[in-house]
Amino acid sequence: MPIPIEVALHLPVAAGMPVLHNVLTGYTADRPLRISAAAFAADKVRLVSAHGDIETITRLRK
């Protein structure tokens, strides 16, 4: 469920609708390099993860 900051930022979430939190971590050969975090209204997105397989990504976008 939306946390207070998401409500304060007016995330477009319908009453009672969960929020999808997506956190990605980029690594170098040695260590974590970058973390990206995003929040989405769960009824507005479709999450597709292809782990860099370009053929799968292309097929799913059609």
Protein backbone atom coordinates (compact mmCIF):
# COMPACT_ATOMS: atom_id res chain seq x y z
CA MET A 1 0.00 0.00 0.00
CA PRO A 2 1.23 3.55 -0.60
CA ILE A 3 3.48 5.00 2.08
CA PRO A 4 2.92 8.59 3.27
CA ILE A 5 5.55 10.12 0.94
CA GLU A 6 3.91 8.47 -2.09
CA VAL A 7 0.56 9.91 -1.06
CA ALA A 8 2.16 13.33 -0.52
CA LEU A 9 3.75 13.19 -4.00
CA HIS A 10 0.32 12.44 -5.51
CA LEU A 11 1.24 9.08 -7.01
CA PRO A 12 -1.88 8.26 -9.07
CA VAL A 13 -3.08 5.34 -6.97
CA ALA A 14 -6.75 4.41 -6.65
CA ALA A 15 -8.05 3.93 -3.12
CA GLY A 16 -6.95 0.55 -1.79
CA MET A 17 -4.61 -0.10 -4.74
CA PRO A 18 -1.14 -1.50 -4.01
CA VAL A 19 2.04 0.17 -5.20
CA LEU A 20 4.71 -1.65 -7.20
CA HIS A 21 8.24 -0.88 -6.00
CA ASN A 22 10.98 -1.65 -8.50
CA VAL A 23 14.61 -1.52 -7.33
CA LEU A 24 17.48 -2.17 -9.76
CA THR A 25 21.13 -2.43 -8.76
CA GLY A 26 23.91 -1.98 -11.32
CA TYR A 27 27.26 -3.59 -10.58
CA THR A 28 30.82 -3.30 -11.81
CA ALA A 29 33.10 -6.33 -11.61
CA ASP A 30 34.01 -5.27 -8.06
CA ARG A 31 31.05 -3.62 -6.37
CA PRO A 32 27.57 -2.13 -6.61
CA LEU A 33 27.70 1.03 -8.70
CA ARG A 34 24.19 2.45 -8.86
CA ILE A 35 20.75 1.82 -7.39
CA SER A 36 17.59 2.99 -9.14
CA ALA A 37 14.26 2.91 -7.33
CA ALA A 38 10.80 3.68 -8.70
CA ALA A 39 7.22 3.39 -7.47
CA PHE A 40 4.22 2.78 -9.74
CA ALA A 41 0.49 2.39 -9.24
CA ALA A 42 0.13 -1.40 -9.52
CA ASP A 43 -2.99 -1.21 -11.70
CA LYS A 44 -1.23 0.96 -14.31
CA VAL A 45 1.84 -1.11 -15.23
CA ARG A 46 2.95 -4.46 -16.56
CA LEU A 47 6.37 -5.53 -15.38
CA VAL A 48 8.42 -7.53 -17.87
CA SER A 49 11.91 -8.68 -16.98
CA ALA A 50 14.05 -10.19 -19.71
CA HIS A 51 17.52 -9.93 -18.12
CA GLY A 52 19.09 -8.42 -21.23
CA ASP A 53 17.82 -11.01 -23.73
CA ILE A 54 17.06 -8.69 -26.69
CA GLU A 55 15.03 -11.33 -28.58
CA THR A 56 12.67 -11.79 -25.63
CA ILE A 57 12.35 -8.04 -25.09
CA THR A 58 11.50 -7.49 -28.77
CA ARG A 59 8.93 -10.30 -28.77
CA LEU A 60 7.17 -9.03 -25.64
CA ARG A 61 6.90 -5.46 -26.93
CA LYS A 62 4.74 -6.53 -29.91
